[in-house]
C-alpha atoms as a PDB file:
ATOM      1  CA  MET A   1     120.833  95.093 127.058  1.00  0.00           C
ATOM      2  CA  ARG A   2     123.414  97.596 125.944  1.00  0.00           C
ATOM      3  CA  ILE A   3     125.200  99.622 128.580  1.00  0.00           C
ATOM      4  CA  MET A   4     126.567 102.908 127.360  1.00  0.00           C
ATOM      5  CA  ASN A   5     129.057 105.007 129.273  1.00  0.00           C
ATOM      6  CA  GLU A   6     129.190 107.664 126.587  1.00  0.00           C
ATOM      7  CA  LYS A   7     127.391 110.904 127.218  1.00  0.00           C
ATOM      8  CA  ILE A   8     124.337 111.527 125.051  1.00  0.00           C
ATOM      9  CA  ASN A   9     124.241 115.012 123.545  1.00  0.00           C
ATOM     10  CA  LYS A  10     120.634 116.106 123.709  1.00  0.00           C
ATOM     11  CA  HIS A  11     119.347 118.879 121.493  1.00  0.00           C
ATOM     12  CA  LEU A  12     116.353 119.579 123.744  1.00  0.00           C
ATOM     13  CA  THR A  13     115.712 119.888 127.450  1.00  0.00           C
ATOM     14  CA  ALA A  14     112.644 118.409 129.119  1.00  0.00           C
ATOM     15  CA  GLU A  15     111.173 121.913 129.348  1.00  0.00           C
ATOM     16  CA  GLN A  16     111.704 122.540 125.623  1.00  0.00           C
ATOM     17  CA  ALA A  17     110.108 119.183 124.759  1.00  0.00           C
ATOM     18  CA  MET A  18     107.091 120.104 126.909  1.00  0.00           C
ATOM     19  CA  GLN A  19     106.808 123.471 125.158  1.00  0.00           C
ATOM     20  CA  ILE A  20     106.938 121.806 121.717  1.00  0.00           C
ATOM     21  CA  ALA A  21     104.178 119.438 122.857  1.00  0.00           C
ATOM     22  CA  GLU A  22     102.066 122.321 124.224  1.00  0.00           C
ATOM     23  CA  ASN A  23     102.461 124.283 120.984  1.00  0.00           C
ATOM     24  CA  TYR A  24     101.510 121.204 118.947  1.00  0.00           C
ATOM     25  CA  LYS A  25      98.423 120.587 121.107  1.00  0.00           C
ATOM     26  CA  GLY A  26      97.338 124.177 120.562  1.00  0.00           C
ATOM     27  CA  LYS A  27      97.977 124.194 116.825  1.00  0.00           C
ATOM     28  CA  TYR A  28      95.973 120.991 116.241  1.00  0.00           C
ATOM     29  CA  ASN A  29      93.361 121.682 118.940  1.00  0.00           C
ATOM     30  CA  LEU A  30      94.183 118.502 120.880  1.00  0.00           C
ATOM     31  CA  SER A  31      92.581 117.834 124.242  1.00  0.00           C
ATOM     32  CA  GLY A  32      94.319 117.005 127.483  1.00  0.00           C
ATOM     33  CA  THR A  33      96.714 118.430 130.016  1.00  0.00           C
ATOM     34  CA  ILE A  34     100.485 118.197 130.252  1.00  0.00           C
ATOM     35  CA  ASP A  35     101.309 118.160 133.960  1.00  0.00           C
ATOM     36  CA  GLY A  36     104.945 119.127 134.318  1.00  0.00           C
ATOM     37  CA  THR A  37     104.909 118.371 138.033  1.00  0.00           C
ATOM     38  CA  LYS A  38     104.593 114.619 137.485  1.00  0.00           C
ATOM     39  CA  GLU A  39     107.844 112.694 137.162  1.00  0.00           C
ATOM     40  CA  HIS A  40     106.773 110.496 134.238  1.00  0.00           C
ATOM     41  CA  THR A  41     105.269 113.305 132.139  1.00  0.00           C
ATOM     42  CA  VAL A  42     108.389 113.938 130.033  1.00  0.00           C
ATOM     43  CA  LYS A  43     111.025 111.273 129.440  1.00  0.00           C
ATOM     44  CA  PHE A  44     114.028 111.046 127.162  1.00  0.00           C
ATOM     45  CA  TYR A  45     114.872 107.783 125.401  1.00  0.00           C
ATOM     46  CA  THR A  46     118.064 107.211 123.420  1.00  0.00           C
ATOM     47  CA  GLN A  47     116.146 104.719 121.268  1.00  0.00           C
ATOM     48  CA  PHE A  48     112.438 104.321 120.667  1.00  0.00           C
ATOM     49  CA  ASP A  49     110.536 102.109 118.220  1.00  0.00           C
ATOM     50  CA  ASP A  50     112.408 100.656 115.277  1.00  0.00           C
ATOM     51  CA  SER A  51     113.899 103.972 114.219  1.00  0.00           C
ATOM     52  CA  ASN A  52     116.503 103.756 117.025  1.00  0.00           C
ATOM     53  CA  LEU A  53     116.591 107.539 117.276  1.00  0.00           C
ATOM     54  CA  PRO A  54     116.567 109.647 120.448  1.00  0.00           C
ATOM     55  CA  VAL A  55     113.135 110.992 121.325  1.00  0.00           C
ATOM     56  CA  TRP A  56     111.222 112.712 124.062  1.00  0.00           C
ATOM     57  CA  LEU A  57     107.896 111.207 125.112  1.00  0.00           C
ATOM     58  CA  VAL A  58     105.426 113.688 126.545  1.00  0.00           C
ATOM     59  CA  MET A  59     102.398 112.215 128.304  1.00  0.00           C
ATOM     60  CA  VAL A  60      99.113 114.100 127.993  1.00  0.00           C
ATOM     61  CA  SER A  61      96.388 113.334 130.549  1.00  0.00           C
ATOM     62  CA  ILE A  62      92.808 113.133 129.281  1.00  0.00           C
ATOM     63  CA  ILE A  63      89.413 112.149 130.589  1.00  0.00           C
ATOM     64  CA  PRO A  64      88.848 108.821 128.814  1.00  0.00           C
ATOM     65  CA  THR A  65      85.667 107.986 126.957  1.00  0.00           C
ATOM     66  CA  VAL A  66      84.142 104.520 126.624  1.00  0.00           C
ATOM     67  CA  PHE A  67      86.160 104.137 123.397  1.00  0.00           C
ATOM     68  CA  GLN A  68      89.562 104.780 124.998  1.00  0.00           C
ATOM     69  CA  ALA A  69      91.597 102.183 126.863  1.00  0.00           C
ATOM     70  CA  ASP A  70      93.777 104.615 128.819  1.00  0.00           C
ATOM     71  CA  ASP A  71      93.618 108.069 130.395  1.00  0.00           C
ATOM     72  CA  GLU A  72      96.545 109.541 128.498  1.00  0.00           C
ATOM     73  CA  TYR A  73      98.160 109.761 125.088  1.00  0.00           C
ATOM     74  CA  THR A  74     101.783 110.276 124.117  1.00  0.00           C
ATOM     75  CA  ILE A  75     103.391 112.928 121.954  1.00  0.00           C
ATOM     76  CA  VAL A  76     106.619 111.603 120.413  1.00  0.00           C
ATOM     77  CA  ILE A  77     109.174 114.345 119.725  1.00  0.00           C
ATOM     78  CA  SER A  78     112.371 113.824 117.748  1.00  0.00           C
ATOM     79  CA  ASP A  79     115.287 115.190 119.765  1.00  0.00           C
ATOM     80  CA  ALA A  80     117.426 115.801 116.661  1.00  0.00           C
ATOM     81  CA  GLU A  81     114.667 117.413 114.580  1.00  0.00           C
ATOM     82  CA  GLU A  82     113.138 119.223 117.564  1.00  0.00           C
ATOM     83  CA  GLN A  83     109.608 118.542 116.338  1.00  0.00           C
ATOM     84  CA  VAL A  84     106.677 116.190 116.850  1.00  0.00           C
ATOM     85  CA  LYS A  85     106.981 112.968 114.867  1.00  0.00           C
ATOM     86  CA  TYR A  86     103.621 111.398 115.769  1.00  0.00           C
ATOM     87  CA  LEU A  87     101.163 110.666 118.579  1.00  0.00           C
ATOM     88  CA  ILE A  88     100.262 107.404 120.264  1.00  0.00           C
ATOM     89  CA  ASP A  89      96.580 107.578 121.160  1.00  0.00           C
ATOM     90  CA  PRO A  90      95.027 106.098 124.349  1.00  0.00           C
ATOM     91  CA  ASN A  91      94.397 102.823 122.497  1.00  0.00           C
ATOM     92  CA  GLY A  92      97.979 102.511 121.263  1.00  0.00           C
ATOM     93  CA  HIS A  93      97.342 103.632 117.683  1.00  0.00           C
ATOM     94  CA  TYR A  94      99.829 105.887 115.914  1.00  0.00           C
ATOM     95  CA  TYR A  95      98.791 108.989 114.007  1.00  0.00           C
ATOM     96  CA  ALA A  96     100.142 112.373 113.029  1.00  0.00           C
ATOM     97  CA  PRO A  97      97.726 115.306 112.670  1.00  0.00           C
ATOM     98  CA  HIS A  98     100.413 117.326 110.870  1.00  0.00           C
ATOM     99  CA  THR A  99     100.516 114.937 107.913  1.00  0.00           C
ATOM    100  CA  LYS A 100      98.328 115.530 104.878  1.00  0.00           C
ATOM    101  CA  GLU A 101      96.082 112.648 105.796  1.00  0.00           C
ATOM    102  CA  ASP A 102      94.570 111.898 109.191  1.00  0.00           C
ATOM    103  CA  GLY A 103      97.244 109.406 110.143  1.00  0.00           C
ATOM    104  CA  LEU A 104     100.411 107.795 108.874  1.00  0.00           C
ATOM    105  CA  THR A 105     100.485 106.544 105.316  1.00  0.00           C
ATOM    106  CA  ASP A 106     101.175 102.832 104.835  1.00  0.00           C
ATOM    107  CA  GLU A 107     104.701 103.672 103.719  1.00  0.00           C
ATOM    108  CA  GLU A 108     105.354 105.845 106.773  1.00  0.00           C
ATOM    109  CA  PHE A 109     103.949 103.199 109.098  1.00  0.00           C
ATOM    110  CA  ASP A 110     106.051 100.463 107.468  1.00  0.00           C
ATOM    111  CA  ARG A 111     109.160 102.646 107.653  1.00  0.00           C
ATOM    112  CA  LEU A 112     108.425 103.451 111.278  1.00  0.00           C
ATOM    113  CA  TRP A 113     108.106  99.814 112.289  1.00  0.00           C
ATOM    114  CA  ASN A 114     110.519  98.423 109.676  1.00  0.00           C
ATOM    115  CA  GLU A 115     107.965  95.844 108.573  1.00  0.00           C
ATOM    116  CA  ASP A 116     106.772  94.537 105.236  1.00  0.00           C
ATOM    117  CA  SER A 117     103.023  95.158 105.269  1.00  0.00           C
ATOM    118  CA  GLU A 118     102.064  92.254 102.982  1.00  0.00           C
ATOM    119  CA  ASP A 119     104.734  89.678 103.892  1.00  0.00           C
ATOM    120  CA  ASN A 120     103.524  88.609 107.356  1.00  0.00           C
END
C-alpha cells in the first residue's frame, strides 16, 4: 500500500463527473438512474485498473434482468481527459458504446489490462 501525502490535482469535481455521465447516458440512450444523494454514487480514484490513471467512477442504478448479476453498472471517466473511457456492465464486462464497434477491440482490451491475449 502506498501512502501519499501529496495533494492530487483533480481536473473534475464530483458534480462535473456526474454531469459527464448523465450526458453520456443520454447520448447513447443508456438505462438507469444516477442518484447523486447516495454517498457511493461518484468516487474518485487516483489509480484504477492497470492504466494507473486517475478516474471517476459513477454508479448507475438499474432494475436487473435475469441476465444481470448486479443492480448497477459503472461509468468510468478519465479525470485528465474529462470524458468517458468505458463502462463496466452489471456482469463485470467492459464495453464502450462510443467506439466504432460495440465494445473494446482486442488491442484496446489488452492495453487496458496490460495483458498478452495469447500468452496465458
